[in-house]
């Protein structure tokens, strides 16, 4: 995610304070779904995540996500199917 282009944060920020909300319309219970934010797109460097449980139940998390040298971070979505997951990302603060 380009934090400057998408969210209007200054280019090159060091980290972002992110509010992450997601839901998935798959039938409950879902156990392997996630929306994960990382510094480099690799799940081994996960920094913030939510795990939707299905039936359009909202899940929420808030935390600090480190950014790469451009001030960007990456997201990975594991959904129950095509077009089943909704994600809301908000940058509520940042570190320069």
N, C-alpha and C. Protein backbone atom coordinates (compact mmCIF):
# COMPACT_ATOMS: atom_id res chain seq x y z
N UNK A 1 0.86 -1.17 0.00
CA UNK A 1 0.00 0.00 0.00
C UNK A 1 0.90 1.22 0.00
N UNK A 2 0.71 2.09 -0.92
CA UNK A 2 1.45 3.35 -0.94
C UNK A 2 0.79 4.30 0.04
N UNK A 3 1.39 4.46 1.22
CA UNK A 3 0.74 5.28 2.24
C UNK A 3 0.59 6.73 1.84
N UNK A 4 1.50 7.24 1.02
CA UNK A 4 1.35 8.63 0.60
C UNK A 4 0.26 8.78 -0.47
N UNK A 5 0.24 7.88 -1.45
CA UNK A 5 -0.75 7.99 -2.53
C UNK A 5 -2.16 7.62 -2.06
N UNK A 6 -2.28 6.57 -1.25
CA UNK A 6 -3.60 6.08 -0.85
C UNK A 6 -4.16 6.84 0.35
N UNK A 7 -3.29 7.14 1.33
CA UNK A 7 -3.78 7.72 2.58
C UNK A 7 -3.37 9.18 2.79
N UNK A 8 -2.51 9.71 1.95
CA UNK A 8 -2.08 11.10 2.10
C UNK A 8 -1.02 11.31 3.15
N UNK A 9 -0.40 10.24 3.63
CA UNK A 9 0.70 10.38 4.60
C UNK A 9 1.94 10.89 3.86
N UNK A 10 2.83 11.57 4.55
CA UNK A 10 4.05 12.03 3.89
C UNK A 10 4.87 10.86 3.35
N UNK A 11 5.51 11.04 2.21
CA UNK A 11 6.37 9.99 1.65
C UNK A 11 7.52 9.71 2.61
N UNK A 12 7.89 8.45 2.74
CA UNK A 12 9.05 8.09 3.54
C UNK A 12 8.80 7.96 5.03
N UNK A 13 7.54 7.87 5.47
CA UNK A 13 7.29 7.70 6.90
C UNK A 13 7.94 6.41 7.38
N UNK A 14 8.31 6.36 8.64
CA UNK A 14 8.99 5.18 9.20
C UNK A 14 8.00 4.11 9.62
N UNK A 15 6.83 4.52 10.12
CA UNK A 15 5.82 3.57 10.59
C UNK A 15 4.47 4.27 10.58
N UNK A 16 3.42 3.46 10.56
CA UNK A 16 2.06 4.00 10.56
C UNK A 16 1.28 3.36 11.70
N UNK A 17 0.43 4.16 12.32
CA UNK A 17 -0.53 3.63 13.29
C UNK A 17 -1.79 3.33 12.49
N UNK A 18 -2.14 2.05 12.41
CA UNK A 18 -3.18 1.60 11.49
C UNK A 18 -4.36 1.02 12.25
N UNK A 19 -5.55 1.37 11.81
CA UNK A 19 -6.77 0.72 12.26
C UNK A 19 -7.18 -0.21 11.12
N UNK A 20 -7.32 -1.50 11.42
CA UNK A 20 -7.61 -2.53 10.43
C UNK A 20 -8.91 -3.22 10.82
N UNK A 21 -9.88 -3.21 9.91
CA UNK A 21 -11.17 -3.86 10.12
C UNK A 21 -11.43 -4.76 8.91
N UNK A 22 -11.95 -5.96 9.16
CA UNK A 22 -12.26 -6.86 8.05
C UNK A 22 -13.45 -7.75 8.42
N UNK A 23 -14.09 -8.25 7.37
CA UNK A 23 -15.15 -9.25 7.54
C UNK A 23 -15.14 -10.14 6.31
N UNK A 24 -15.67 -11.34 6.49
CA UNK A 24 -15.77 -12.28 5.38
C UNK A 24 -17.17 -12.89 5.40
N UNK A 25 -17.76 -13.05 4.23
CA UNK A 25 -19.14 -13.53 4.14
C UNK A 25 -19.25 -15.05 4.12
N UNK A 26 -18.13 -15.76 4.18
CA UNK A 26 -18.17 -17.22 4.22
C UNK A 26 -18.90 -17.70 5.46
N UNK A 27 -19.40 -18.93 5.41
CA UNK A 27 -20.17 -19.45 6.55
C UNK A 27 -19.27 -19.64 7.77
N UNK A 28 -19.83 -19.36 8.93
CA UNK A 28 -19.12 -19.49 10.20
C UNK A 28 -19.05 -20.96 10.57
N UNK A 29 -18.02 -21.51 11.15
CA UNK A 29 -16.79 -20.82 11.53
C UNK A 29 -15.72 -20.94 10.44
N UNK A 30 -14.99 -19.88 10.25
CA UNK A 30 -13.83 -19.86 9.36
C UNK A 30 -12.60 -19.82 10.27
N UNK A 31 -11.61 -20.65 9.99
CA UNK A 31 -10.45 -20.71 10.88
C UNK A 31 -9.14 -20.31 10.21
N UNK A 32 -9.11 -20.23 8.90
CA UNK A 32 -7.83 -19.94 8.23
C UNK A 32 -7.80 -18.58 7.54
N UNK A 33 -8.81 -17.76 7.75
CA UNK A 33 -8.86 -16.46 7.09
C UNK A 33 -8.00 -15.45 7.84
N UNK A 34 -7.44 -14.52 7.09
CA UNK A 34 -6.70 -13.43 7.74
C UNK A 34 -6.50 -12.28 6.77
N UNK A 35 -6.31 -11.11 7.34
CA UNK A 35 -5.80 -9.94 6.64
C UNK A 35 -4.59 -9.52 7.45
N UNK A 36 -3.42 -9.52 6.81
CA UNK A 36 -2.17 -9.31 7.53
C UNK A 36 -1.37 -8.19 6.88
N UNK A 37 -0.81 -7.31 7.71
CA UNK A 37 0.04 -6.21 7.24
C UNK A 37 1.48 -6.53 7.58
N UNK A 38 2.38 -6.30 6.60
CA UNK A 38 3.80 -6.59 6.77
C UNK A 38 4.63 -5.45 6.19
N UNK A 39 5.91 -5.46 6.50
CA UNK A 39 6.82 -4.44 5.97
C UNK A 39 7.27 -4.80 4.55
N UNK A 40 7.20 -6.09 4.18
CA UNK A 40 7.79 -6.51 2.91
C UNK A 40 6.96 -7.53 2.13
N UNK A 41 5.74 -7.80 2.53
CA UNK A 41 4.91 -8.76 1.81
C UNK A 41 5.12 -10.19 2.23
N UNK A 42 6.02 -10.44 3.17
CA UNK A 42 6.33 -11.79 3.64
C UNK A 42 5.58 -12.03 4.95
N UNK A 43 4.76 -13.08 5.01
CA UNK A 43 3.97 -13.34 6.22
C UNK A 43 4.82 -13.59 7.45
N UNK A 44 6.08 -13.96 7.27
CA UNK A 44 6.95 -14.17 8.43
C UNK A 44 7.30 -12.86 9.13
N UNK A 45 7.03 -11.73 8.47
CA UNK A 45 7.28 -10.42 9.09
C UNK A 45 5.95 -9.73 9.46
N UNK A 46 4.92 -10.53 9.72
CA UNK A 46 3.60 -9.98 10.07
C UNK A 46 3.70 -9.03 11.25
N UNK A 47 3.01 -7.89 11.13
CA UNK A 47 3.04 -6.90 12.18
C UNK A 47 1.66 -6.61 12.76
N UNK A 48 0.64 -6.76 11.95
CA UNK A 48 -0.73 -6.50 12.40
C UNK A 48 -1.65 -7.38 11.59
N UNK A 49 -2.63 -7.99 12.25
CA UNK A 49 -3.49 -8.93 11.55
C UNK A 49 -4.87 -8.97 12.20
N UNK A 50 -5.86 -9.33 11.41
CA UNK A 50 -7.19 -9.68 11.91
C UNK A 50 -7.56 -11.02 11.30
N UNK A 51 -8.42 -11.75 12.00
CA UNK A 51 -8.83 -13.08 11.54
C UNK A 51 -10.35 -13.15 11.48
N UNK A 52 -10.95 -12.79 10.34
CA UNK A 52 -12.40 -12.85 10.21
C UNK A 52 -12.91 -14.28 10.46
N UNK A 53 -14.07 -14.39 11.13
CA UNK A 53 -14.62 -15.70 11.48
C UNK A 53 -15.78 -16.11 10.60
N UNK A 54 -16.15 -15.27 9.64
CA UNK A 54 -17.24 -15.59 8.73
C UNK A 54 -18.55 -14.92 9.13
N UNK A 55 -19.59 -15.18 8.34
CA UNK A 55 -20.94 -14.62 8.55
C UNK A 55 -20.96 -13.09 8.67
N UNK A 56 -20.03 -12.43 7.98
CA UNK A 56 -19.94 -10.97 7.96
C UNK A 56 -19.74 -10.34 9.33
N UNK A 57 -19.15 -11.08 10.27
CA UNK A 57 -18.81 -10.53 11.58
C UNK A 57 -17.56 -9.68 11.43
N UNK A 58 -17.61 -8.43 11.91
CA UNK A 58 -16.46 -7.53 11.82
C UNK A 58 -15.40 -7.91 12.85
N UNK A 59 -14.15 -7.91 12.44
CA UNK A 59 -13.03 -8.06 13.35
C UNK A 59 -12.15 -6.83 13.21
N UNK A 60 -11.54 -6.40 14.31
CA UNK A 60 -10.79 -5.15 14.29
C UNK A 60 -9.52 -5.28 15.11
N UNK A 61 -8.49 -4.57 14.67
CA UNK A 61 -7.24 -4.48 15.40
C UNK A 61 -6.63 -3.13 15.09
N UNK A 62 -5.82 -2.64 15.98
CA UNK A 62 -5.14 -1.36 15.80
C UNK A 62 -3.72 -1.51 16.31
N UNK A 63 -2.76 -0.98 15.57
CA UNK A 63 -1.38 -1.09 16.01
C UNK A 63 -0.42 -0.36 15.09
N UNK A 64 0.85 -0.51 15.39
CA UNK A 64 1.91 0.16 14.63
C UNK A 64 2.48 -0.81 13.60
N UNK A 65 2.59 -0.34 12.37
CA UNK A 65 3.15 -1.13 11.27
C UNK A 65 4.37 -0.39 10.74
N UNK A 66 5.54 -1.05 10.78
CA UNK A 66 6.74 -0.44 10.21
C UNK A 66 6.61 -0.36 8.71
N UNK A 67 7.22 0.65 8.12
CA UNK A 67 7.15 0.87 6.67
C UNK A 67 8.52 0.61 6.04
N UNK A 68 8.51 0.36 4.74
CA UNK A 68 9.78 0.21 4.02
C UNK A 68 10.39 1.59 3.78
N UNK A 69 11.49 1.65 3.05
CA UNK A 69 12.19 2.92 2.86
C UNK A 69 11.37 3.96 2.10
N UNK A 70 10.33 3.53 1.39
CA UNK A 70 9.45 4.46 0.69
C UNK A 70 8.28 4.93 1.55
N UNK A 71 8.16 4.36 2.75
CA UNK A 71 7.04 4.71 3.61
C UNK A 71 5.81 3.86 3.33
N UNK A 72 6.00 2.69 2.73
CA UNK A 72 4.88 1.83 2.35
C UNK A 72 4.88 0.56 3.19
N UNK A 73 3.73 -0.09 3.26
CA UNK A 73 3.62 -1.41 3.86
C UNK A 73 2.76 -2.28 2.95
N UNK A 74 2.73 -3.56 3.20
CA UNK A 74 2.06 -4.53 2.34
C UNK A 74 0.93 -5.23 3.08
N UNK A 75 -0.03 -5.74 2.33
CA UNK A 75 -1.10 -6.51 2.95
C UNK A 75 -1.29 -7.82 2.20
N UNK A 76 -1.74 -8.83 2.94
CA UNK A 76 -2.07 -10.14 2.39
C UNK A 76 -3.46 -10.50 2.89
N UNK A 77 -4.31 -10.98 1.98
CA UNK A 77 -5.67 -11.38 2.35
C UNK A 77 -5.85 -12.86 2.02
N UNK A 78 -6.28 -13.63 2.99
CA UNK A 78 -6.69 -15.01 2.77
C UNK A 78 -8.19 -15.05 3.01
N UNK A 79 -8.98 -15.16 1.95
CA UNK A 79 -10.43 -15.07 2.01
C UNK A 79 -11.06 -16.44 1.79
N UNK A 80 -12.35 -16.55 2.10
CA UNK A 80 -13.06 -17.81 1.90
C UNK A 80 -13.42 -18.05 0.43
N UNK A 81 -13.32 -17.01 -0.39
CA UNK A 81 -13.63 -17.13 -1.81
C UNK A 81 -13.41 -15.80 -2.50
N UNK A 82 -13.65 -15.75 -3.78
CA UNK A 82 -13.48 -14.51 -4.54
C UNK A 82 -14.56 -13.50 -4.14
N UNK A 83 -14.14 -12.31 -3.78
CA UNK A 83 -15.08 -11.23 -3.46
C UNK A 83 -15.82 -11.40 -2.14
N UNK A 84 -15.29 -12.21 -1.21
CA UNK A 84 -16.01 -12.46 0.04
C UNK A 84 -15.52 -11.61 1.20
N UNK A 85 -14.35 -11.01 1.08
CA UNK A 85 -13.77 -10.27 2.20
C UNK A 85 -13.80 -8.78 1.93
N UNK A 86 -14.24 -8.02 2.94
CA UNK A 86 -14.20 -6.56 2.91
C UNK A 86 -13.14 -6.13 3.92
N UNK A 87 -12.32 -5.14 3.53
CA UNK A 87 -11.25 -4.65 4.39
C UNK A 87 -11.31 -3.13 4.44
N UNK A 88 -11.17 -2.59 5.65
CA UNK A 88 -11.07 -1.14 5.85
C UNK A 88 -9.75 -0.88 6.55
N UNK A 89 -8.91 -0.04 5.95
CA UNK A 89 -7.64 0.38 6.53
C UNK A 89 -7.67 1.88 6.75
N UNK A 90 -7.28 2.31 7.92
CA UNK A 90 -7.16 3.74 8.19
C UNK A 90 -5.82 4.00 8.85
N UNK A 91 -5.09 4.99 8.37
CA UNK A 91 -3.89 5.44 9.07
C UNK A 91 -4.34 6.55 10.01
N UNK A 92 -4.17 6.30 11.31
CA UNK A 92 -4.63 7.27 12.30
C UNK A 92 -3.47 8.05 12.90
N UNK A 93 -2.26 7.74 12.47
CA UNK A 93 -1.07 8.45 12.90
C UNK A 93 0.13 7.87 12.18
N UNK A 94 1.27 8.56 12.26
CA UNK A 94 2.48 8.04 11.63
C UNK A 94 3.71 8.60 12.30
N UNK A 95 4.84 7.94 12.10
CA UNK A 95 6.12 8.34 12.63
C UNK A 95 7.01 8.77 11.47
N UNK A 96 7.65 9.92 11.60
CA UNK A 96 8.53 10.41 10.52
C UNK A 96 9.99 10.29 10.92
